[in-house]
Amino acid sequence: MNVHHLELFYYVAKFEGITEAVRKMPYGIQQPAVSGQILQLEKYLGVKLFHRRPFALTPPGEELYDFIYPFFSRLDQMTERFQGEENQHLRLSASAAALTHHLPDVLDRLRNEFKQLRLTLKELSATNLEPSLRKQEADVAISVIHRKASPGIRVIRLIELPLALLVPETSPIRKFRDLSSKASGGQVLLPLISLPPKEPVAELFQRGLTAKNLIWEPSMEVSELGLIQSYVARGFGFGVAVDIPGAQLPEGVRKIKLPSDFPPLSIGAFYSGDLKPVAQRFIEITKEQAKLLKKNATAAK
């Protein structure tokens, strides 16, 4: 049995006639098309469902209408329910560091505005960002702006954060030029802790070294920026970091600012298609937080 034919019959029975049903149905369809499909339904069932003039359901028509009424009559209610829940549901992807340290304040503000807020938070690497958005696994992703986004992916630039070098507190190195002065043939021989080479932070750091005609190969690669802080604190070497305003360093670690030759890390909000209200508001609050972070960074200089 064709479910669409049943839907058309439901509206014809509800509005007591094909002409009135065509006027009041929630989507456009021509009267001859409705008549033809109702005839197909009657032919399939082998019964007459209603008299045309004057309109009246036949006993089989009344029985069929009573059967399908509970389903079709509640579709609008279910649509409103699901859309209402979905409009309160934010699926957010970001790095573990962002989800842990930088986004809770944003989500706290969002929760105060959307009382029925539901959150799905997912850790996501930059390489998986676009596929996740295209598959609608995430409404918004917060990530590094590293390369030009593919068609259909929209990016809102939030903030640029400078890189920094973490050094053990006991190290005599106080400024970056102290490192370059100790380089042998342009190569820095001190131990370096870094993210893998393809990670944006590592790539930007190496680009800055190249601009300074320096070579500094990592002696330790780790998967997360927080690990760099831990191992610098334990004296394993110097670490490549992101200079986040207000971020606290572990005991035994100092921060050295890098020259302007080192490009900053650009952070943005990525999305695909139209944003639902909760996602739109999330981005607005995130932009406000980014402006506050920039202001704090300027004040700290």
Foldseek 3Di string as FASTA:
>chain_A
DDVVLLVLLLLCVVQQALVRSQVPPPDHDDSVVNVVSVVVVCVVVVHDQWDHVRTDGDVVVVVSNVVCVVPNVCPVVVVVVVVVLVLQEFEEEEAPCCVPPPCPVLVVVLCVVRVNHHYHYYYDDPVCPVVCQVVVVGAKYKYWPQDDDDPQKDKDWAAWWAKWKKAFPPDPDDEPVVQCVPADVQERPWAEEEAPCVDRLNVLVVQLSVVVSHHYDHPHHDHDQVVQLVVNQVPRTMYMGTDFQPDDGDPRMDIYGDDPSRGTTIIIMMHGDDHRPSVVSSRVSSNVSSVVRVVSVVVVD
